[in-house]
């Protein structure tokens, strides 16, 4: 049986990177309105701005949701790494205990 080398530290690193991306996506949803002034579309502002605002609000909401989902995925990956390490440690302790019991007889 071959040993399988699983590096859970890389999982945690990727989870941290992914969480940062999720935060950026979430924050990006609100950036679209920050640059707008009251007359952004010139004479067409009264016609275009209400529709633009409605679409932008949907965009912001979706960005927020997607950013939160990406962050949740990062959290799940980090938890998976922690669970894997914990299970690995528990199994190692059990195998060591069995080995000691066999060695005593």
PDB file of N, CA and C in Angstrom:
ATOM      1  N   UNK A   1       0.847  -1.170   0.000  1.00  0.00           N
ATOM      2  CA  UNK A   1       0.000   0.000   0.000  1.00  0.00           C
ATOM      3  C   UNK A   1       0.896   1.238   0.000  1.00  0.00           C
ATOM      4  N   UNK A   2       0.612   2.162  -0.861  1.00  0.00           N
ATOM      5  CA  UNK A   2       1.426   3.367  -0.989  1.00  0.00           C
ATOM      6  C   UNK A   2       0.884   4.470  -0.082  1.00  0.00           C
ATOM      7  N   UNK A   3       1.811   5.254   0.429  1.00  0.00           N
ATOM      8  CA  UNK A   3       1.410   6.409   1.221  1.00  0.00           C
ATOM      9  C   UNK A   3       0.890   7.500   0.286  1.00  0.00           C
ATOM     10  N   UNK A   4      -0.133   8.159   0.710  1.00  0.00           N
ATOM     11  CA  UNK A   4      -0.669   9.288  -0.039  1.00  0.00           C
ATOM     12  C   UNK A   4      -0.348  10.540   0.762  1.00  0.00           C
ATOM     13  N   UNK A   5       0.375  11.430   0.142  1.00  0.00           N
ATOM     14  CA  UNK A   5       0.774  12.667   0.823  1.00  0.00           C
ATOM     15  C   UNK A   5      -0.267  13.744   0.524  1.00  0.00           C
ATOM     16  N   UNK A   6      -1.006  14.107   1.528  1.00  0.00           N
ATOM     17  CA  UNK A   6      -2.027  15.139   1.394  1.00  0.00           C
ATOM     18  C   UNK A   6      -1.584  16.328   2.233  1.00  0.00           C
ATOM     19  N   UNK A   7      -1.441  17.460   1.575  1.00  0.00           N
ATOM     20  CA  UNK A   7      -0.973  18.670   2.242  1.00  0.00           C
ATOM     21  C   UNK A   7      -2.175  19.575   2.537  1.00  0.00           C
ATOM     22  N   UNK A   8      -2.707  19.452   3.736  1.00  0.00           N
ATOM     23  CA  UNK A   8      -3.881  20.247   4.092  1.00  0.00           C
ATOM     24  C   UNK A   8      -3.532  21.716   4.307  1.00  0.00           C
ATOM     25  N   UNK A   9      -2.248  22.025   4.506  1.00  0.00           N
ATOM     26  CA  UNK A   9      -1.859  23.432   4.615  1.00  0.00           C
ATOM     27  C   UNK A   9      -2.162  24.173   3.308  1.00  0.00           C
ATOM     28  N   UNK A  10      -1.983  23.487   2.180  1.00  0.00           N
ATOM     29  CA  UNK A  10      -2.300  24.126   0.897  1.00  0.00           C
ATOM     30  C   UNK A  10      -3.804  24.371   0.780  1.00  0.00           C
ATOM     31  N   UNK A  11      -4.613  23.484   1.377  1.00  0.00           N
ATOM     32  CA  UNK A  11      -6.063  23.705   1.378  1.00  0.00           C
ATOM     33  C   UNK A  11      -6.381  24.991   2.129  1.00  0.00           C
ATOM     34  N   UNK A  12      -5.723  25.160   3.276  1.00  0.00           N
ATOM     35  CA  UNK A  12      -5.977  26.359   4.082  1.00  0.00           C
ATOM     36  C   UNK A  12      -5.507  27.629   3.357  1.00  0.00           C
ATOM     37  N   UNK A  13      -4.379  27.516   2.670  1.00  0.00           N
ATOM     38  CA  UNK A  13      -3.881  28.649   1.900  1.00  0.00           C
ATOM     39  C   UNK A  13      -4.876  29.036   0.819  1.00  0.00           C
ATOM     40  N   UNK A  14      -5.357  28.043   0.087  1.00  0.00           N
ATOM     41  CA  UNK A  14      -6.339  28.310  -0.973  1.00  0.00           C
ATOM     42  C   UNK A  14      -7.646  28.845  -0.383  1.00  0.00           C
ATOM     43  N   UNK A  15      -8.025  28.336   0.764  1.00  0.00           N
ATOM     44  CA  UNK A  15      -9.242  28.830   1.420  1.00  0.00           C
ATOM     45  C   UNK A  15      -9.087  30.305   1.773  1.00  0.00           C
ATOM     46  N   UNK A  16      -7.922  30.695   2.273  1.00  0.00           N
ATOM     47  CA  UNK A  16      -7.683  32.101   2.587  1.00  0.00           C
ATOM     48  C   UNK A  16      -7.719  32.980   1.347  1.00  0.00           C
ATOM     49  N   UNK A  17      -7.100  32.500   0.268  1.00  0.00           N
ATOM     50  CA  UNK A  17      -7.122  33.250  -0.997  1.00  0.00           C
ATOM     51  C   UNK A  17      -8.550  33.384  -1.514  1.00  0.00           C
ATOM     52  N   UNK A  18      -9.284  32.295  -1.442  1.00  0.00           N
ATOM     53  CA  UNK A  18     -10.662  32.287  -1.933  1.00  0.00           C
ATOM     54  C   UNK A  18     -11.557  33.196  -1.103  1.00  0.00           C
ATOM     55  N   UNK A  19     -11.350  33.212   0.193  1.00  0.00           N
ATOM     56  CA  UNK A  19     -12.138  34.104   1.049  1.00  0.00           C
ATOM     57  C   UNK A  19     -11.891  35.562   0.662  1.00  0.00           C
ATOM     58  N   UNK A  20     -10.650  35.899   0.358  1.00  0.00           N
ATOM     59  CA  UNK A  20     -10.329  37.257  -0.088  1.00  0.00           C
ATOM     60  C   UNK A  20     -11.017  37.610  -1.397  1.00  0.00           C
ATOM     61  N   UNK A  21     -11.061  36.654  -2.308  1.00  0.00           N
ATOM     62  CA  UNK A  21     -11.756  36.876  -3.580  1.00  0.00           C
ATOM     63  C   UNK A  21     -13.243  37.085  -3.325  1.00  0.00           C
ATOM     64  N   UNK A  22     -13.803  36.288  -2.439  1.00  0.00           N
ATOM     65  CA  UNK A  22     -15.219  36.433  -2.104  1.00  0.00           C
ATOM     66  C   UNK A  22     -15.532  37.802  -1.526  1.00  0.00           C
ATOM     67  N   UNK A  23     -14.641  38.304  -0.683  1.00  0.00           N
ATOM     68  CA  UNK A  23     -14.836  39.642  -0.104  1.00  0.00           C
ATOM     69  C   UNK A  23     -14.782  40.712  -1.186  1.00  0.00           C
ATOM     70  N   UNK A  24     -13.854  40.546  -2.126  1.00  0.00           N
ATOM     71  CA  UNK A  24     -13.733  41.505  -3.221  1.00  0.00           C
ATOM     72  C   UNK A  24     -14.981  41.513  -4.082  1.00  0.00           C
ATOM     73  N   UNK A  25     -15.488  40.325  -4.400  1.00  0.00           N
ATOM     74  CA  UNK A  25     -16.709  40.226  -5.197  1.00  0.00           C
ATOM     75  C   UNK A  25     -17.879  40.866  -4.463  1.00  0.00           C
ATOM     76  N   UNK A  26     -17.977  40.571  -3.185  1.00  0.00           N
ATOM     77  CA  UNK A  26     -19.074  41.126  -2.382  1.00  0.00           C
ATOM     78  C   UNK A  26     -18.999  42.653  -2.342  1.00  0.00           C
ATOM     79  N   UNK A  27     -17.818  43.194  -2.138  1.00  0.00           N
ATOM     80  CA  UNK A  27     -17.647  44.645  -2.075  1.00  0.00           C
ATOM     81  C   UNK A  27     -17.828  45.295  -3.444  1.00  0.00           C
ATOM     82  N   UNK A  28     -17.492  44.573  -4.498  1.00  0.00           N
ATOM     83  CA  UNK A  28     -17.608  45.119  -5.852  1.00  0.00           C
ATOM     84  C   UNK A  28     -19.036  45.443  -6.242  1.00  0.00           C
ATOM     85  N   UNK A  29     -19.977  44.823  -5.598  1.00  0.00           N
ATOM     86  CA  UNK A  29     -21.368  45.080  -5.923  1.00  0.00           C
ATOM     87  C   UNK A  29     -21.809  46.492  -5.624  1.00  0.00           C
ATOM     88  N   UNK A  30     -21.164  47.141  -4.695  1.00  0.00           N
ATOM     89  CA  UNK A  30     -21.571  48.502  -4.334  1.00  0.00           C
ATOM     90  C   UNK A  30     -20.745  49.572  -5.037  1.00  0.00           C
ATOM     91  N   UNK A  31     -19.698  49.188  -5.717  1.00  0.00           N
ATOM     92  CA  UNK A  31     -18.802  50.173  -6.333  1.00  0.00           C
ATOM     93  C   UNK A  31     -19.415  50.857  -7.550  1.00  0.00           C
ATOM     94  N   UNK A  32     -20.356  50.236  -8.207  1.00  0.00           N
ATOM     95  CA  UNK A  32     -20.926  50.766  -9.445  1.00  0.00           C
ATOM     96  C   UNK A  32     -21.585  52.131  -9.242  1.00  0.00           C
ATOM     97  N   UNK A  33     -22.221  52.380  -8.120  1.00  0.00           N
ATOM     98  CA  UNK A  33     -22.927  53.635  -7.886  1.00  0.00           C
ATOM     99  C   UNK A  33     -22.015  54.729  -7.333  1.00  0.00           C
ATOM    100  N   UNK A  34     -20.903  54.352  -6.780  1.00  0.00           N
ATOM    101  CA  UNK A  34     -20.019  55.336  -6.150  1.00  0.00           C
ATOM    102  C   UNK A  34     -19.503  56.364  -7.156  1.00  0.00           C
ATOM    103  N   UNK A  35     -19.331  55.954  -8.402  1.00  0.00           N
ATOM    104  CA  UNK A  35     -18.757  56.843  -9.406  1.00  0.00           C
ATOM    105  C   UNK A  35     -19.808  57.699 -10.115  1.00  0.00           C
ATOM    106  N   UNK A  36     -21.064  57.452  -9.870  1.00  0.00           N
ATOM    107  CA  UNK A  36     -22.106  58.194 -10.580  1.00  0.00           C
ATOM    108  C   UNK A  36     -22.386  59.538  -9.924  1.00  0.00           C
ATOM    109  N   UNK A  37     -22.537  60.539 -10.765  1.00  0.00           N
ATOM    110  CA  UNK A  37     -23.010  61.814 -10.239  1.00  0.00           C
ATOM    111  C   UNK A  37     -24.478  61.980 -10.647  1.00  0.00           C
ATOM    112  N   UNK A  38     -25.075  63.066 -10.279  1.00  0.00           N
ATOM    113  CA  UNK A  38     -26.508  63.247 -10.506  1.00  0.00           C
ATOM    114  C   UNK A  38     -26.905  63.390 -11.958  1.00  0.00           C
ATOM    115  N   UNK A  39     -25.962  63.716 -12.837  1.00  0.00           N
ATOM    116  CA  UNK A  39     -26.289  63.936 -14.243  1.00  0.00           C
ATOM    117  C   UNK A  39     -25.407  63.064 -15.132  1.00  0.00           C
ATOM    118  N   UNK A  40     -25.226  61.847 -14.722  1.00  0.00           N
ATOM    119  CA  UNK A  40     -24.270  60.953 -15.364  1.00  0.00           C
ATOM    120  C   UNK A  40     -24.589  60.672 -16.838  1.00  0.00           C
ATOM    121  N   UNK A  41     -25.846  60.650 -17.218  1.00  0.00           N
ATOM    122  CA  UNK A  41     -26.229  60.355 -18.598  1.00  0.00           C
ATOM    123  C   UNK A  41     -26.671  61.609 -19.354  1.00  0.00           C
ATOM    124  N   UNK A  42     -26.315  62.752 -18.835  1.00  0.00           N
ATOM    125  CA  UNK A  42     -26.645  64.015 -19.494  1.00  0.00           C
ATOM    126  C   UNK A  42     -28.143  64.229 -19.582  1.00  0.00           C
ATOM    127  N   UNK A  43     -28.593  64.650 -20.765  1.00  0.00           N
ATOM    128  CA  UNK A  43     -30.027  64.932 -20.932  1.00  0.00           C
ATOM    129  C   UNK A  43     -30.877  63.671 -20.836  1.00  0.00           C
ATOM    130  N   UNK A  44     -30.266  62.521 -20.999  1.00  0.00           N
ATOM    131  CA  UNK A  44     -31.009  61.261 -20.939  1.00  0.00           C
ATOM    132  C   UNK A  44     -31.116  60.698 -19.518  1.00  0.00           C
ATOM    133  N   UNK A  45     -30.511  61.373 -18.563  1.00  0.00           N
ATOM    134  CA  UNK A  45     -30.502  60.893 -17.188  1.00  0.00           C
ATOM    135  C   UNK A  45     -31.904  60.564 -16.659  1.00  0.00           C
ATOM    136  N   UNK A  46     -32.899  61.431 -16.867  1.00  0.00           N
ATOM    137  CA  UNK A  46     -34.224  61.099 -16.336  1.00  0.00           C
ATOM    138  C   UNK A  46     -34.816  59.803 -16.907  1.00  0.00           C
ATOM    139  N   UNK A  47     -34.446  59.465 -18.137  1.00  0.00           N
ATOM    140  CA  UNK A  47     -34.965  58.234 -18.744  1.00  0.00           C
ATOM    141  C   UNK A  47     -34.130  57.013 -18.377  1.00  0.00           C
ATOM    142  N   UNK A  48     -32.825  57.161 -18.383  1.00  0.00           N
ATOM    143  CA  UNK A  48     -31.926  56.012 -18.236  1.00  0.00           C
ATOM    144  C   UNK A  48     -31.634  55.678 -16.782  1.00  0.00           C
ATOM    145  N   UNK A  49     -31.480  56.707 -15.956  1.00  0.00           N
ATOM    146  CA  UNK A  49     -31.035  56.465 -14.580  1.00  0.00           C
ATOM    147  C   UNK A  49     -31.960  55.537 -13.788  1.00  0.00           C
ATOM    148  N   UNK A  50     -33.288  55.652 -13.873  1.00  0.00           N
ATOM    149  CA  UNK A  50     -34.132  54.715 -13.107  1.00  0.00           C
ATOM    150  C   UNK A  50     -33.918  53.247 -13.510  1.00  0.00           C
ATOM    151  N   UNK A  51     -33.833  53.011 -14.821  1.00  0.00           N
ATOM    152  CA  UNK A  51     -33.601  51.631 -15.281  1.00  0.00           C
ATOM    153  C   UNK A  51     -32.207  51.161 -14.868  1.00  0.00           C
ATOM    154  N   UNK A  52     -31.230  52.049 -15.024  1.00  0.00           N
ATOM    155  CA  UNK A  52     -29.862  51.713 -14.640  1.00  0.00           C
ATOM    156  C   UNK A  52     -29.787  51.398 -13.144  1.00  0.00           C
ATOM    157  N   UNK A  53     -30.460  52.185 -12.365  1.00  0.00           N
ATOM    158  CA  UNK A  53     -30.458  51.974 -10.913  1.00  0.00           C
ATOM    159  C   UNK A  53     -31.089  50.639 -10.559  1.00  0.00           C
ATOM    160  N   UNK A  54     -32.205  50.293 -11.217  1.00  0.00           N
ATOM    161  CA  UNK A  54     -32.864  49.011 -10.941  1.00  0.00           C
ATOM    162  C   UNK A  54     -31.952  47.836 -11.293  1.00  0.00           C
ATOM    163  N   UNK A  55     -31.334  47.897 -12.455  1.00  0.00           N
ATOM    164  CA  UNK A  55     -30.430  46.821 -12.882  1.00  0.00           C
ATOM    165  C   UNK A  55     -29.203  46.775 -11.960  1.00  0.00           C
ATOM    166  N   UNK A  56     -28.707  47.927 -11.594  1.00  0.00           N
ATOM    167  CA  UNK A  56     -27.538  47.989 -10.717  1.00  0.00           C
ATOM    168  C   UNK A  56     -27.825  47.414  -9.335  1.00  0.00           C
ATOM    169  N   UNK A  57     -29.019  47.640  -8.857  1.00  0.00           N
ATOM    170  CA  UNK A  57     -29.380  47.071  -7.556  1.00  0.00           C
ATOM    171  C   UNK A  57     -29.418  45.548  -7.618  1.00  0.00           C
ATOM    172  N   UNK A  58     -29.939  45.014  -8.721  1.00  0.00           N
ATOM    173  CA  UNK A  58     -29.934  43.554  -8.908  1.00  0.00           C
ATOM    174  C   UNK A  58     -28.494  43.050  -8.990  1.00  0.00           C
ATOM    175  N   UNK A  59     -27.670  43.766  -9.744  1.00  0.00           N
ATOM    176  CA  UNK A  59     -26.256  43.411  -9.863  1.00  0.00           C
ATOM    177  C   UNK A  59     -25.580  43.405  -8.495  1.00  0.00           C
ATOM    178  N   UNK A  60     -25.832  44.445  -7.716  1.00  0.00           N
ATOM    179  CA  UNK A  60     -25.221  44.542  -6.386  1.00  0.00           C
ATOM    180  C   UNK A  60     -25.678  43.399  -5.490  1.00  0.00           C
ATOM    181  N   UNK A  61     -26.955  43.096  -5.557  1.00  0.00           N
ATOM    182  CA  UNK A  61     -27.485  42.000  -4.732  1.00  0.00           C
ATOM    183  C   UNK A  61     -26.851  40.671  -5.126  1.00  0.00           C
ATOM    184  N   UNK A  62     -26.742  40.419  -6.413  1.00  0.00           N
ATOM    185  CA  UNK A  62     -26.148  39.155  -6.880  1.00  0.00           C
ATOM    186  C   UNK A  62     -24.662  39.090  -6.521  1.00  0.00           C
ATOM    187  N   UNK A  63     -23.948  40.198  -6.674  1.00  0.00           N
ATOM    188  CA  UNK A  63     -22.537  40.204  -6.288  1.00  0.00           C
ATOM    189  C   UNK A  63     -22.382  39.900  -4.805  1.00  0.00           C
ATOM    190  N   UNK A  64     -23.220  40.497  -4.003  1.00  0.00           N
ATOM    191  CA  UNK A  64     -23.170  40.242  -2.561  1.00  0.00           C
ATOM    192  C   UNK A  64     -23.418  38.770  -2.277  1.00  0.00           C
ATOM    193  N   UNK A  65     -24.448  38.209  -2.899  1.00  0.00           N
ATOM    194  CA  UNK A  65     -24.762  36.787  -2.692  1.00  0.00           C
ATOM    195  C   UNK A  65     -23.625  35.895  -3.163  1.00  0.00           C
ATOM    196  N   UNK A  66     -23.093  36.152  -4.351  1.00  0.00           N
ATOM    197  CA  UNK A  66     -22.014  35.317  -4.878  1.00  0.00           C
ATOM    198  C   UNK A  66     -20.762  35.445  -4.021  1.00  0.00           C
ATOM    199  N   UNK A  67     -20.458  36.666  -3.596  1.00  0.00           N
ATOM    200  CA  UNK A  67     -19.300  36.859  -2.725  1.00  0.00           C
ATOM    201  C   UNK A  67     -19.435  36.090  -1.430  1.00  0.00           C
ATOM    202  N   UNK A  68     -20.626  36.107  -0.857  1.00  0.00           N
ATOM    203  CA  UNK A  68     -20.866  35.363   0.377  1.00  0.00           C
ATOM    204  C   UNK A  68     -20.772  33.862   0.145  1.00  0.00           C
ATOM    205  N   UNK A  69     -21.238  33.404  -1.001  1.00  0.00           N
ATOM    206  CA  UNK A  69     -21.145  31.963  -1.311  1.00  0.00           C
ATOM    207  C   UNK A  69     -19.697  31.527  -1.498  1.00  0.00           C
ATOM    208  N   UNK A  70     -18.908  32.360  -2.149  1.00  0.00           N
ATOM    209  CA  UNK A  70     -17.487  32.039  -2.323  1.00  0.00           C
ATOM    210  C   UNK A  70     -16.799  31.986  -0.960  1.00  0.00           C
ATOM    211  N   UNK A  71     -17.122  32.937  -0.083  1.00  0.00           N
ATOM    212  CA  UNK A  71     -16.552  32.933   1.256  1.00  0.00           C
ATOM    213  C   UNK A  71     -16.986  31.692   2.039  1.00  0.00           C
ATOM    214  N   UNK A  72     -18.224  31.273   1.870  1.00  0.00           N
ATOM    215  CA  UNK A  72     -18.715  30.061   2.543  1.00  0.00           C
ATOM    216  C   UNK A  72     -17.958  28.836   2.017  1.00  0.00           C
ATOM    217  N   UNK A  73     -17.710  28.797   0.709  1.00  0.00           N
ATOM    218  CA  UNK A  73     -16.923  27.706   0.139  1.00  0.00           C
ATOM    219  C   UNK A  73     -15.521  27.669   0.716  1.00  0.00           C
ATOM    220  N   UNK A  74     -14.928  28.840   0.909  1.00  0.00           N
ATOM    221  CA  UNK A  74     -13.592  28.913   1.509  1.00  0.00           C
ATOM    222  C   UNK A  74     -13.627  28.388   2.938  1.00  0.00           C
ATOM    223  N   UNK A  75     -14.661  28.748   3.669  1.00  0.00           N
ATOM    224  CA  UNK A  75     -14.810  28.265   5.050  1.00  0.00           C
ATOM    225  C   UNK A  75     -14.962  26.737   5.079  1.00  0.00           C
ATOM    226  N   UNK A  76     -15.738  26.205   4.144  1.00  0.00           N
ATOM    227  CA  UNK A  76     -15.923  24.751   4.083  1.00  0.00           C
ATOM    228  C   UNK A  76     -14.620  24.033   3.746  1.00  0.00           C
ATOM    229  N   UNK A  77     -13.824  24.624   2.862  1.00  0.00           N
ATOM    230  CA  UNK A  77     -12.534  24.023   2.519  1.00  0.00           C
ATOM    231  C   UNK A  77     -11.600  24.024   3.724  1.00  0.00           C
ATOM    232  N   UNK A  78     -11.572  25.116   4.448  1.00  0.00           N
ATOM    233  CA  UNK A  78     -10.747  25.187   5.666  1.00  0.00           C
ATOM    234  C   UNK A  78     -11.219  24.159   6.690  1.00  0.00           C
ATOM    235  N   UNK A  79     -12.529  24.045   6.862  1.00  0.00           N
ATOM    236  CA  UNK A  79     -13.078  23.050   7.788  1.00  0.00           C
ATOM    237  C   UNK A  79     -12.736  21.629   7.350  1.00  0.00           C
ATOM    238  N   UNK A  80     -12.755  21.388   6.041  1.00  0.00           N
ATOM    239  CA  UNK A  80     -12.396  20.061   5.528  1.00  0.00           C
ATOM    240  C   UNK A  80     -10.943  19.732   5.866  1.00  0.00           C
ATOM    241  N   UNK A  81     -10.067  20.713   5.726  1.00  0.00           N
ATOM    242  CA  UNK A  81      -8.653  20.499   6.077  1.00  0.00           C
ATOM    243  C   UNK A  81      -8.508  20.193   7.560  1.00  0.00           C
ATOM    244  N   UNK A  82      -9.211  20.940   8.391  1.00  0.00           N
ATOM    245  CA  UNK A  82      -9.147  20.700   9.836  1.00  0.00           C
ATOM    246  C   UNK A  82      -9.700  19.327  10.198  1.00  0.00           C
ATOM    247  N   UNK A  83     -10.832  18.956   9.593  1.00  0.00           N
ATOM    248  CA  UNK A  83     -11.429  17.641   9.849  1.00  0.00           C
ATOM    249  C   UNK A  83     -10.500  16.520   9.400  1.00  0.00           C
ATOM    250  N   UNK A  84      -9.886  16.698   8.229  1.00  0.00           N
ATOM    251  CA  UNK A  84      -8.973  15.682   7.715  1.00  0.00           C
ATOM    252  C   UNK A  84      -7.804  15.487   8.681  1.00  0.00           C
ATOM    253  N   UNK A  85      -7.207  16.593   9.113  1.00  0.00           N
ATOM    254  CA  UNK A  85      -6.084  16.498  10.047  1.00  0.00           C
ATOM    255  C   UNK A  85      -6.503  15.844  11.362  1.00  0.00           C
ATOM    256  N   UNK A  86      -7.662  16.215  11.859  1.00  0.00           N
ATOM    257  CA  UNK A  86      -8.162  15.640  13.115  1.00  0.00           C
ATOM    258  C   UNK A  86      -8.396  14.130  12.959  1.00  0.00           C
ATOM    259  N   UNK A  87      -9.006  13.741  11.859  1.00  0.00           N
ATOM    260  CA  UNK A  87      -9.241  12.306  11.619  1.00  0.00           C
ATOM    261  C   UNK A  87      -7.936  11.548  11.440  1.00  0.00           C
ATOM    262  N   UNK A  88      -7.006  12.166  10.743  1.00  0.00           N
ATOM    263  CA  UNK A  88      -5.685  11.547  10.533  1.00  0.00           C
ATOM    264  C   UNK A  88      -4.990  11.306  11.874  1.00  0.00           C
ATOM    265  N   UNK A  89      -5.050  12.299  12.747  1.00  0.00           N
ATOM    266  CA  UNK A  89      -4.432  12.187  14.072  1.00  0.00           C
ATOM    267  C   UNK A  89      -5.103  11.089  14.892  1.00  0.00           C
ATOM    268  N   UNK A  90      -6.422  11.064  14.861  1.00  0.00           N
ATOM    269  CA  UNK A  90      -7.169  10.050  15.615  1.00  0.00           C
ATOM    270  C   UNK A  90      -6.819   8.645  15.130  1.00  0.00           C
ATOM    271  N   UNK A  91      -6.781   8.459  13.815  1.00  0.00           N
ATOM    272  CA  UNK A  91      -6.435   7.137  13.271  1.00  0.00           C
ATOM    273  C   UNK A  91      -5.001   6.747  13.619  1.00  0.00           C
ATOM    274  N   UNK A  92      -4.097   7.717  13.573  1.00  0.00           N
ATOM    275  CA  UNK A  92      -2.702   7.431  13.922  1.00  0.00           C
ATOM    276  C   UNK A  92      -2.596   6.984  15.371  1.00  0.00           C
ATOM    277  N   UNK A  93      -3.321   7.649  16.262  1.00  0.00           N
ATOM    278  CA  UNK A  93      -3.311   7.271  17.669  1.00  0.00           C
ATOM    279  C   UNK A  93      -3.877   5.870  17.862  1.00  0.00           C
ATOM    280  N   UNK A  94      -4.929   5.533  17.129  1.00  0.00           N
ATOM    281  CA  UNK A  94      -5.510   4.188  17.238  1.00  0.00           C
ATOM    282  C   UNK A  94      -4.546   3.120  16.731  1.00  0.00           C
ATOM    283  N   UNK A  95      -3.899   3.388  15.598  1.00  0.00           N
ATOM    284  CA  UNK A  95      -2.932   2.429  15.067  1.00  0.00           C
ATOM    285  C   UNK A  95      -1.758   2.259  16.025  1.00  0.00           C
ATOM    286  N   UNK A  96      -1.302   3.335  16.616  1.00  0.00           N
ATOM    287  CA  UNK A  96      -0.204   3.245  17.589  1.00  0.00           C
ATOM    288  C   UNK A  96      -0.628   2.422  18.798  1.00  0.00           C
ATOM    289  N   UNK A  97      -1.846   2.611  19.241  1.00  0.00           N
ATOM    290  CA  UNK A  97      -2.363   1.854  20.393  1.00  0.00           C
ATOM    291  C   UNK A  97      -2.447   0.357  20.073  1.00  0.00           C
ATOM    292  N   UNK A  98      -2.944   0.056  18.885  1.00  0.00           N
ATOM    293  CA  UNK A  98      -3.030  -1.350  18.464  1.00  0.00           C
ATOM    294  C   UNK A  98      -1.624  -1.943  18.368  1.00  0.00           C
ATOM    295  N   UNK A  99      -0.692  -1.170  17.805  1.00  0.00           N
ATOM    296  CA  UNK A  99       0.687  -1.645  17.681  1.00  0.00           C
ATOM    297  C   UNK A  99       1.307  -1.932  19.028  1.00  0.00           C
ATOM    298  N   UNK A 100       1.033  -1.079  20.008  1.00  0.00           N
ATOM    299  CA  UNK A 100       1.552  -1.299  21.361  1.00  0.00           C
ATOM    300  C   UNK A 100       0.925  -2.535  21.982  1.00  0.00           C
ATOM    301  N   UNK A 101      -0.378  -2.737  21.763  1.00  0.00           N
ATOM    302  CA  UNK A 101      -1.049  -3.909  22.328  1.00  0.00           C
ATOM    303  C   UNK A 101      -0.514  -5.192  21.717  1.00  0.00           C
ATOM    304  N   UNK A 102      -0.273  -5.165  20.437  1.00  0.00           N
ATOM    305  CA  UNK A 102       0.279  -6.353  19.755  1.00  0.00           C
ATOM    306  C   UNK A 102       1.705  -6.603  20.246  1.00  0.00           C
ATOM    307  N   UNK A 103       2.478  -5.551  20.421  1.00  0.00           N
ATOM    308  CA  UNK A 103       3.855  -5.682  20.878  1.00  0.00           C
ATOM    309  C   UNK A 103       3.968  -6.214  22.292  1.00  0.00           C
ATOM    310  N   UNK A 104       2.932  -6.010  23.095  1.00  0.00           N
ATOM    311  CA  UNK A 104       2.952  -6.481  24.484  1.00  0.00           C
ATOM    312  C   UNK A 104       2.747  -7.985  24.565  1.00  0.00           C
ATOM    313  N   UNK A 105       2.160  -8.595  23.561  1.00  0.00           N
ATOM    314  CA  UNK A 105       1.841 -10.024  23.623  1.00  0.00           C
ATOM    315  C   UNK A 105       2.880 -10.850  22.948  1.00  0.00           C
TER     316      UNK A 105
END
